Amino acid sequence: MSENFGEFVTRLTENARVSLQHAESIARSQNSSYIGTEHILLGVLAQGSSVAAKLLADVGVTLKKAESALNIKYDLDDIQPQHSVKTLSETAVLTLRLAYEKAQELHQDFLGTEHILYSLLNQKNAQATNLLVKLSLDIDTIAAELEDYFQRQRFEFEYVLRQNKPNDSKIKNKVLSKYGHDLTGKAADDSLDPVIGRDQEIDRIITILSRRTKNNPLLIGEPGVGKTAVVEGLAQRIAAEEVPDHMLDMRLIQLDLASMVAGTKYRGEFEDRLKKALKEIQSDQRTIVFIDELHILVGAGAAEGSMDAANIIKPALARGEIRLIGATTFDEYRKHIEKDPALDRRFQTVTLKEPSLEQTRQIISGLKSHYEDHHGVELSSEIIDQAV
C-alpha cells in the first residue's frame, strides 16, 4: 500500500475523506513532518457527523477534549486540500491498510470512519491509542460498540443479497402462513389498536434485538398487563419505519404453538411441523418470531421417543439463527423457564409492570374513539375517571 492518499480517494466515504483532510491540516498546523495516528484521530473527531465521531462522543471523547490533552488548538476552517498530502507515519499506513481490510471483510466497497476507528483501536502502541487511554476511554468497550455496529451492517448486507434473489414467501413459508400471524402486516393495514404508555418497554425490546448476542427479549408480567400489546407496538414501529435502519423491512410473526400441537395424531407430527417452521424462519433473517405463553415450549408436543418444543428450538437460539420474542408470567417463568438454564440464558428479560392510575387513564383516553365507534356510544371523561 502506498503512503499516498491518492489510491484511497475513490473508496473513501465523504466523512472519511473530510476527516483525512482535517488530519493533514492538523499535521501542517503543528509543523509535523508526517501525518500520524493522532492526527487521523483528531481529524475523525473534527468531522462530527461521522459514524466514528458519534460513537466516540457517546463515550465522552470529543475534539475539544482531545485537543486539550495534546495541548493544541485546531481551526476547523483551516483546510487546504489543494496542497499535496504529507507523508504518513508507518503506523498511520498500517492503520489505513487494516481499515481497508476490515471493509473488505464486511464485503463493503467503501472505506468509512468506522473502519478507520476500528483500526486505530487495534494499534496498541500508537499515539492515537495512547491519547484515548489518556482520555480514560475503555478501548474494549468502544471496540465492542463497533463490532455491534458492524454486525448490524452485516444484517443489512445479507438482506440486500436476499432481496436480489427470486423469492416467493407465500409459497416458501407454508408452515408460517398456516400457523403464524403477520403482526407487521396487520400494523401496516392499521388493524391493530394503538399502544399507549409503553414506549420505554418497546425501546428496550429494540435494543435487545439489535445486540450481537443474547438478542432474544422475554417479556415477563402478570396476566393482562399488556405483553402482547407491547409486541404489537413494536410491529407498528416497524411498519411506520420508526426503528433503526437494520430493522427496516423486518417481519414480526406471531407463531401459534397451540394450533401447531392441535390435531397432531402421530408421534413426531408436531416435531415435524415445528422443524419446518424453524427452517422457514432460518432461511429469512428478516423474520422475528413472537411466541406468547412461551412456557408452553417446555413439554409442548413431547411424546415417547420425541423432543419437546424447547429442545427443538434451543440449538437455533444458541447459534443465533433465529430471533425470538417470548412472553410469559412471573409464575410460569419460575416454574418452567428458569429451571431450564440452557433455555433461560438465551433470553434477555423485560419486566412489564402494571400501569399506574394516570397511565391507565391515558390508555383508556387514547383508545376511547375505537370503543365509541365499535359500540356506538360516547364515553365522557367522568365515565373514564370512574372506570379508572
Protein backbone atom coordinates (compact mmCIF):
# COMPACT_ATOMS: atom_id res chain seq x y z
CA MET A 1 0.00 0.00 0.00
CA SER A 2 1.38 3.39 -0.97
CA GLU A 3 1.98 6.09 1.60
CA ASN A 4 -0.06 8.47 -0.54
CA PHE A 5 -3.75 9.20 -0.01
CA GLY A 6 -4.40 9.18 -3.76
CA GLU A 7 -5.26 5.50 -4.18
CA PHE A 8 -7.73 5.69 -1.28
CA VAL A 9 -9.76 8.60 -2.61
CA THR A 10 -12.15 6.56 -4.73
CA ARG A 11 -13.02 4.30 -1.77
CA LEU A 12 -13.40 6.93 0.94
CA THR A 13 -16.81 7.99 2.15
CA GLU A 14 -17.36 11.74 2.24
CA ASN A 15 -16.93 11.80 6.03
CA ALA A 16 -13.71 9.77 5.80
CA ARG A 17 -12.35 11.99 3.02
CA VAL A 18 -13.00 15.17 5.01
CA SER A 19 -11.60 13.54 8.17
CA LEU A 20 -8.31 12.86 6.40
CA GLN A 21 -8.25 16.41 5.07
CA HIS A 22 -8.62 17.54 8.68
CA ALA A 23 -5.76 15.18 9.66
CA GLU A 24 -3.47 16.74 7.06
CA SER A 25 -4.43 20.25 8.09
CA ILE A 26 -3.80 19.45 11.77
CA ALA A 27 -0.37 18.00 10.96
CA ARG A 28 0.53 21.14 8.98
CA SER A 29 -0.69 23.42 11.76
CA GLN A 30 1.65 21.62 14.17
CA ASN A 31 4.58 21.77 11.70
CA SER A 32 4.74 17.98 11.78
CA SER A 33 6.83 16.27 9.10
CA TYR A 34 4.29 13.45 8.85
CA ILE A 35 0.63 12.59 9.41
CA GLY A 36 0.40 10.34 12.46
CA THR A 37 -2.41 8.31 14.01
CA GLU A 38 -3.04 11.11 16.49
CA HIS A 39 -3.71 13.49 13.58
CA ILE A 40 -6.05 10.94 11.97
CA LEU A 41 -7.96 10.53 15.25
CA LEU A 42 -8.32 14.30 15.63
CA GLY A 43 -9.43 14.51 12.01
CA VAL A 44 -12.15 11.93 12.64
CA LEU A 45 -13.30 13.79 15.76
CA ALA A 46 -13.36 17.06 13.80
CA GLN A 47 -15.88 15.53 11.39
CA GLY A 48 -18.66 15.39 13.97
CA SER A 49 -21.27 13.91 11.64
CA SER A 50 -19.23 10.75 11.02
CA VAL A 51 -20.08 7.35 12.49
CA ALA A 52 -16.81 7.18 14.41
CA ALA A 53 -17.13 10.69 15.86
CA LYS A 54 -20.64 9.93 17.10
CA LEU A 55 -19.53 6.67 18.71
CA LEU A 56 -16.68 8.44 20.47
CA ALA A 57 -18.93 11.32 21.55
CA ASP A 58 -21.29 8.79 23.15
CA VAL A 59 -18.47 7.68 25.45
CA GLY A 60 -17.31 11.23 26.20
CA VAL A 61 -14.46 11.67 23.72
CA THR A 62 -14.72 14.96 21.81
CA LEU A 63 -12.40 17.05 19.65
CA LYS A 64 -12.17 19.67 22.37
CA LYS A 65 -11.04 17.14 24.99
CA ALA A 66 -8.54 15.56 22.60
CA GLU A 67 -7.08 18.97 21.70
CA SER A 68 -6.77 19.81 25.38
CA ALA A 69 -4.98 16.52 26.09
CA LEU A 70 -2.48 17.25 23.29
CA ASN A 71 -2.29 20.95 24.18
CA ILE A 72 -3.17 22.06 20.64
CA LYS A 73 -5.97 24.06 19.03
CA TYR A 74 -7.23 23.32 15.53
CA ASP A 75 -9.23 25.74 13.38
CA LEU A 76 -11.92 23.74 11.53
CA ASP A 77 -11.90 26.29 8.72
CA ASP A 78 -8.17 25.87 8.11
CA ILE A 79 -8.38 23.11 5.47
CA GLN A 80 -6.09 23.27 2.46
CA PRO A 81 -6.93 20.24 0.30
CA GLN A 82 -5.18 21.74 -2.72
CA HIS A 83 -1.80 21.12 -1.10
CA SER A 84 -0.09 17.78 -1.64
CA VAL A 85 -0.62 15.23 1.10
CA LYS A 86 2.19 14.91 3.62
CA THR A 87 3.96 11.63 4.33
CA LEU A 88 2.14 9.14 6.52
CA SER A 89 3.85 7.63 9.53
CA GLU A 90 4.45 3.89 9.40
CA THR A 91 1.70 3.27 11.96
CA ALA A 92 -0.71 5.51 10.03
CA VAL A 93 -0.06 3.47 6.88
CA LEU A 94 -0.78 0.29 8.82
CA THR A 95 -3.94 1.88 10.22
CA LEU A 96 -5.34 2.60 6.77
CA ARG A 97 -4.33 -0.83 5.49
CA LEU A 98 -6.17 -2.56 8.35
CA ALA A 99 -9.16 -0.26 7.87
CA TYR A 100 -9.31 -1.25 4.21
CA GLU A 101 -9.04 -4.94 5.11
CA LYS A 102 -11.88 -4.58 7.64
CA ALA A 103 -14.09 -3.03 4.96
CA GLN A 104 -13.27 -5.94 2.64
CA GLU A 105 -14.08 -8.43 5.39
CA LEU A 106 -17.51 -6.81 5.66
CA HIS A 107 -17.93 -7.01 1.85
CA GLN A 108 -18.05 -3.21 1.65
CA ASP A 109 -16.51 -1.36 -1.28
CA PHE A 110 -16.07 1.87 0.70
CA LEU A 111 -13.75 2.99 3.48
CA GLY A 112 -15.52 4.83 6.29
CA THR A 113 -14.53 6.48 9.55
CA GLU A 114 -15.86 3.43 11.40
CA HIS A 115 -13.25 1.25 9.67
CA ILE A 116 -10.53 3.79 10.46
CA LEU A 117 -11.53 3.93 14.14
CA TYR A 118 -11.62 0.13 14.33
CA SER A 119 -8.07 0.03 13.00
CA LEU A 120 -6.88 2.78 15.35
CA LEU A 121 -8.19 0.84 18.34
CA ASN A 122 -6.11 -2.14 17.28
CA GLN A 123 -2.83 -0.16 17.18
CA LYS A 124 -1.94 -0.74 20.82
CA ASN A 125 1.20 1.41 20.91
CA ALA A 126 0.07 4.13 18.53
CA GLN A 127 -0.15 7.78 19.53
CA ALA A 128 -3.91 7.73 18.89
CA THR A 129 -4.43 4.80 21.27
CA ASN A 130 -2.28 6.47 23.93
CA LEU A 131 -4.41 9.59 23.56
CA LEU A 132 -7.65 7.63 24.02
CA VAL A 133 -6.26 5.94 27.14
CA LYS A 134 -5.22 9.37 28.44
CA LEU A 135 -8.84 10.44 27.96
CA SER A 136 -9.92 7.48 30.15
CA LEU A 137 -11.58 5.65 27.28
CA ASP A 138 -12.19 1.93 27.78
CA ILE A 139 -10.78 0.62 24.49
CA ASP A 140 -12.59 -2.72 24.83
CA THR A 141 -15.96 -1.01 25.35
CA ILE A 142 -15.78 1.14 22.22
CA ALA A 143 -14.40 -1.84 20.26
CA ALA A 144 -17.46 -3.85 21.31
CA GLU A 145 -19.73 -0.98 20.22
CA LEU A 146 -18.05 -1.01 16.82
CA GLU A 147 -18.45 -4.78 16.49
CA ASP A 148 -22.18 -4.41 17.22
CA TYR A 149 -22.38 -1.69 14.56
CA PHE A 150 -20.62 -3.93 12.03
CA GLN A 151 -22.95 -6.79 12.92
CA ARG A 152 -25.95 -4.61 12.10
CA GLN A 153 -24.30 -3.71 8.79
CA ARG A 154 -23.87 -7.42 8.05
CA PHE A 155 -27.59 -7.97 8.56
CA GLU A 156 -28.34 -5.14 6.14
CA PHE A 157 -25.91 -6.50 3.55
CA GLU A 158 -27.36 -10.02 3.81
CA TYR A 159 -30.85 -8.57 3.43
CA VAL A 160 -29.86 -6.80 0.20
CA LEU A 161 -28.45 -10.07 -1.13
CA ARG A 162 -31.67 -11.87 -0.33
CA GLN A 163 -33.73 -9.13 -1.96
CA ASN A 164 -31.84 -9.73 -5.22
CA LYS A 165 -32.78 -13.40 -5.22
CA PRO A 166 -36.14 -14.65 -6.54
CA ASN A 167 -38.30 -15.43 -3.54
CA ASP A 168 -42.00 -16.10 -3.18
CA SER A 169 -42.52 -16.06 0.58
CA LYS A 170 -46.14 -17.06 0.29
CA ILE A 171 -45.12 -20.31 -1.40
CA LYS A 172 -41.89 -20.77 0.54
CA ASN A 173 -43.28 -20.13 4.03
CA LYS A 174 -46.14 -22.59 4.01
CA VAL A 175 -45.93 -23.50 7.70
CA LEU A 176 -45.57 -19.89 8.89
CA SER A 177 -48.51 -18.87 6.71
CA LYS A 178 -50.64 -21.60 8.30
CA TYR A 179 -49.62 -21.27 11.95
CA GLY A 180 -48.34 -17.70 12.07
CA HIS A 181 -49.93 -14.25 12.19
CA ASP A 182 -48.10 -11.41 10.43
CA LEU A 183 -48.24 -8.62 13.01
CA THR A 184 -46.32 -6.15 10.84
CA GLY A 185 -48.81 -6.81 8.03
CA LYS A 186 -51.69 -6.08 10.39
CA ALA A 187 -49.92 -2.94 11.59
CA ALA A 188 -49.44 -1.77 8.00
CA ASP A 189 -53.17 -2.34 7.40
CA ASP A 190 -53.97 -0.33 10.56
CA SER A 191 -55.65 -3.42 12.03
CA LEU A 192 -54.01 -3.13 15.45
CA ASP A 193 -55.09 -0.89 18.31
CA PRO A 194 -52.66 1.89 19.23
CA VAL A 195 -50.25 1.12 22.08
CA ILE A 196 -50.05 3.89 24.67
CA GLY A 197 -47.59 4.41 27.51
CA ARG A 198 -45.22 1.57 26.63
CA ASP A 199 -42.52 3.42 24.67
CA GLN A 200 -39.83 2.58 27.22
CA GLU A 201 -40.53 -1.16 27.02
CA ILE A 202 -40.64 -1.11 23.20
CA ASP A 203 -37.33 0.78 23.09
CA ARG A 204 -35.84 -1.87 25.38
CA ILE A 205 -37.01 -4.66 23.05
CA ILE A 206 -35.45 -2.89 20.04
CA THR A 207 -32.17 -2.52 21.93
CA ILE A 208 -32.09 -6.24 22.78
CA LEU A 209 -32.97 -7.28 19.22
CA SER A 210 -30.10 -5.10 17.96
CA ARG A 211 -27.48 -6.85 20.08
CA ARG A 212 -24.94 -9.21 18.55
CA THR A 213 -25.55 -11.91 21.17
CA LYS A 214 -28.34 -12.72 23.63
CA ASN A 215 -30.71 -10.80 21.37
CA ASN A 216 -33.97 -12.56 22.27
CA PRO A 217 -36.30 -10.48 24.51
CA LEU A 218 -38.53 -12.25 27.05
CA LEU A 219 -41.44 -10.16 28.32
CA ILE A 220 -42.47 -11.05 31.86
CA GLY A 221 -45.55 -9.65 33.56
CA GLU A 222 -48.78 -10.51 35.31
CA PRO A 223 -51.72 -11.78 33.19
CA GLY A 224 -53.48 -8.93 31.40
CA VAL A 225 -50.67 -6.41 31.85
CA GLY A 226 -50.37 -5.97 28.07
CA LYS A 227 -47.44 -8.13 26.95
CA THR A 228 -48.96 -8.90 23.56
CA ALA A 229 -49.91 -5.24 23.12
CA VAL A 230 -46.26 -4.22 23.60
CA VAL A 231 -45.20 -6.61 20.82
CA GLU A 232 -47.95 -5.19 18.62
CA GLY A 233 -46.48 -1.76 19.40
CA LEU A 234 -43.15 -2.98 18.06
CA ALA A 235 -44.91 -4.21 14.89
CA GLN A 236 -46.42 -0.75 14.46
CA ARG A 237 -42.99 0.86 14.87
CA ILE A 238 -41.56 -1.43 12.17
CA ALA A 239 -44.48 -0.74 9.82
CA ALA A 240 -44.08 3.02 10.37
CA GLU A 241 -40.29 2.75 9.82
CA GLU A 242 -39.67 4.18 13.30
CA VAL A 243 -36.90 1.68 14.05
CA PRO A 244 -33.13 1.57 13.41
CA ASP A 245 -32.10 1.03 9.79
CA HIS A 246 -31.15 -2.61 10.33
CA MET A 247 -34.72 -3.38 11.43
CA LEU A 248 -36.45 -1.81 8.46
CA ASP A 249 -38.34 -4.38 6.35
CA MET A 250 -38.36 -6.88 9.23
CA ARG A 251 -41.42 -9.10 9.61
CA LEU A 252 -42.82 -9.81 13.07
CA ILE A 253 -44.68 -13.13 13.03
CA GLN A 254 -46.68 -14.47 15.98
CA LEU A 255 -46.31 -18.25 15.99
CA ASP A 256 -49.33 -20.10 17.39
CA LEU A 257 -47.86 -23.17 19.11
CA ALA A 258 -51.27 -24.30 20.37
CA SER A 259 -52.54 -24.58 16.79
CA MET A 260 -49.40 -26.47 15.79
CA VAL A 261 -50.00 -29.01 18.56
CA ALA A 262 -53.74 -29.28 17.89
CA GLY A 263 -54.76 -32.06 15.54
CA THR A 264 -51.47 -33.97 15.73
CA LYS A 265 -52.32 -37.67 15.76
CA TYR A 266 -49.00 -39.38 15.30
CA ARG A 267 -45.74 -39.38 17.23
CA GLY A 268 -43.37 -36.77 15.86
CA GLU A 269 -46.01 -34.91 13.83
CA PHE A 270 -45.75 -31.74 15.94
CA GLU A 271 -41.96 -32.04 15.94
CA ASP A 272 -42.02 -32.15 12.14
CA ARG A 273 -44.23 -29.06 11.92
CA LEU A 274 -42.03 -27.07 14.28
CA LYS A 275 -38.83 -28.07 12.48
CA LYS A 276 -40.33 -26.95 9.17
CA ALA A 277 -41.33 -23.62 10.72
CA LEU A 278 -37.81 -23.16 12.09
CA LYS A 279 -36.32 -23.90 8.69
CA GLU A 280 -38.51 -21.21 7.12
CA ILE A 281 -37.50 -18.71 9.81
CA GLN A 282 -33.80 -19.52 9.44
CA SER A 283 -34.00 -19.05 5.67
CA ASP A 284 -35.21 -15.45 6.06
CA GLN A 285 -33.26 -13.34 8.55
CA ARG A 286 -35.90 -10.62 8.18
CA THR A 287 -38.27 -12.67 10.35
CA ILE A 288 -38.68 -12.03 14.07
CA VAL A 289 -40.85 -14.64 15.80
CA PHE A 290 -43.15 -13.89 18.74
CA ILE A 291 -44.40 -16.73 20.95
CA ASP A 292 -46.96 -15.81 23.59
CA GLU A 293 -47.10 -18.06 26.66
CA LEU A 294 -43.51 -19.09 25.99
CA HIS A 295 -43.57 -21.56 28.89
CA ILE A 296 -45.66 -23.99 26.83
CA LEU A 297 -42.47 -24.60 24.82
CA VAL A 298 -41.38 -26.80 27.72
CA GLY A 299 -43.13 -30.10 27.17
CA ALA A 300 -45.14 -28.98 24.13
CA GLY A 301 -45.61 -31.85 21.71
CA ALA A 302 -43.43 -34.19 23.73
CA ALA A 303 -44.23 -37.86 23.41
CA GLU A 304 -42.32 -41.03 24.00
CA GLY A 305 -39.32 -41.02 21.69
CA SER A 306 -39.70 -37.36 20.67
CA MET A 307 -38.40 -33.97 21.86
CA ASP A 308 -40.41 -31.12 23.34
CA ALA A 309 -40.53 -27.76 21.55
CA ALA A 310 -37.91 -26.15 23.81
CA ASN A 311 -35.28 -28.73 22.93
CA ILE A 312 -36.04 -28.31 19.23
CA ILE A 313 -35.66 -24.53 19.35
CA LYS A 314 -32.67 -24.24 21.72
CA PRO A 315 -29.96 -25.15 19.16
CA ALA A 316 -31.19 -22.48 16.71
CA LEU A 317 -31.28 -19.91 19.53
CA ALA A 318 -27.78 -20.88 20.66
CA ARG A 319 -26.38 -20.42 17.15
CA GLY A 320 -28.16 -17.08 16.70
CA GLU A 321 -30.04 -18.40 13.66
CA ILE A 322 -33.42 -17.07 14.78
CA ARG A 323 -34.62 -14.03 16.69
CA LEU A 324 -37.39 -14.79 19.12
CA ILE A 325 -39.56 -12.64 21.37
CA GLY A 326 -41.27 -14.54 24.16
CA ALA A 327 -43.90 -13.59 26.72
CA THR A 328 -44.89 -15.28 29.96
CA THR A 329 -45.99 -14.60 33.54
CA PHE A 330 -43.74 -14.48 36.59
CA ASP A 331 -45.15 -17.76 37.94
CA GLU A 332 -44.77 -19.65 34.67
CA TYR A 333 -41.27 -18.24 34.19
CA ARG A 334 -40.18 -19.57 37.59
CA LYS A 335 -41.89 -22.94 37.10
CA HIS A 336 -40.70 -23.74 33.60
CA ILE A 337 -38.13 -21.43 32.00
CA GLU A 338 -35.92 -20.50 34.95
CA LYS A 339 -35.50 -24.21 35.73
CA ASP A 340 -34.10 -24.79 32.24
CA PRO A 341 -30.78 -22.85 32.28
CA ALA A 342 -29.98 -23.76 28.66
CA LEU A 343 -33.24 -22.08 27.59
CA ASP A 344 -33.21 -19.25 30.13
CA ARG A 345 -29.76 -17.93 29.20
CA ARG A 346 -30.82 -17.42 25.58
CA PHE A 347 -33.19 -14.63 26.65
CA GLN A 348 -32.88 -11.10 28.00
CA THR A 349 -35.84 -10.34 30.27
CA VAL A 350 -38.03 -7.25 30.01
CA THR A 351 -40.29 -6.73 33.03
CA LEU A 352 -43.71 -5.21 32.39
CA LYS A 353 -45.31 -3.55 35.39
CA GLU A 354 -48.99 -2.74 35.72
CA PRO A 355 -49.72 0.80 34.51
CA SER A 356 -50.28 3.49 37.13
CA LEU A 357 -53.68 5.14 37.51
CA GLU A 358 -52.55 8.07 35.37
CA GLN A 359 -51.15 5.75 32.71
CA THR A 360 -54.40 3.77 32.76
CA ARG A 361 -56.35 6.99 32.23
CA GLN A 362 -54.11 7.87 29.27
CA ILE A 363 -54.54 4.40 27.76
CA ILE A 364 -58.33 4.48 28.00
CA SER A 365 -58.46 8.04 26.67
CA GLY A 366 -56.24 7.05 23.75
CA LEU A 367 -58.48 4.09 22.89
CA LYS A 368 -61.75 5.90 23.58
CA SER A 369 -62.62 6.60 19.95
CA HIS A 370 -62.10 2.94 19.00
CA TYR A 371 -64.56 1.74 21.65
CA GLU A 372 -67.02 4.52 20.85
CA ASP A 373 -67.05 3.58 17.16
CA HIS A 374 -67.35 -0.14 17.91
CA HIS A 375 -70.15 0.08 20.49
CA GLY A 376 -71.90 3.16 19.13
CA VAL A 377 -71.66 5.02 22.44
CA GLU A 378 -69.98 8.12 23.80
CA LEU A 379 -67.58 7.89 26.73
CA SER A 380 -67.30 11.02 28.84
CA SER A 381 -64.30 11.99 30.95
CA GLU A 382 -66.36 11.27 34.08
CA ILE A 383 -67.01 7.69 32.95
CA ILE A 384 -63.32 7.18 32.24
CA ASP A 385 -62.40 8.52 35.70
CA GLN A 386 -64.91 6.15 37.34
CA ALA A 387 -63.56 3.20 35.37
CA VAL A 388 -60.01 4.00 36.43
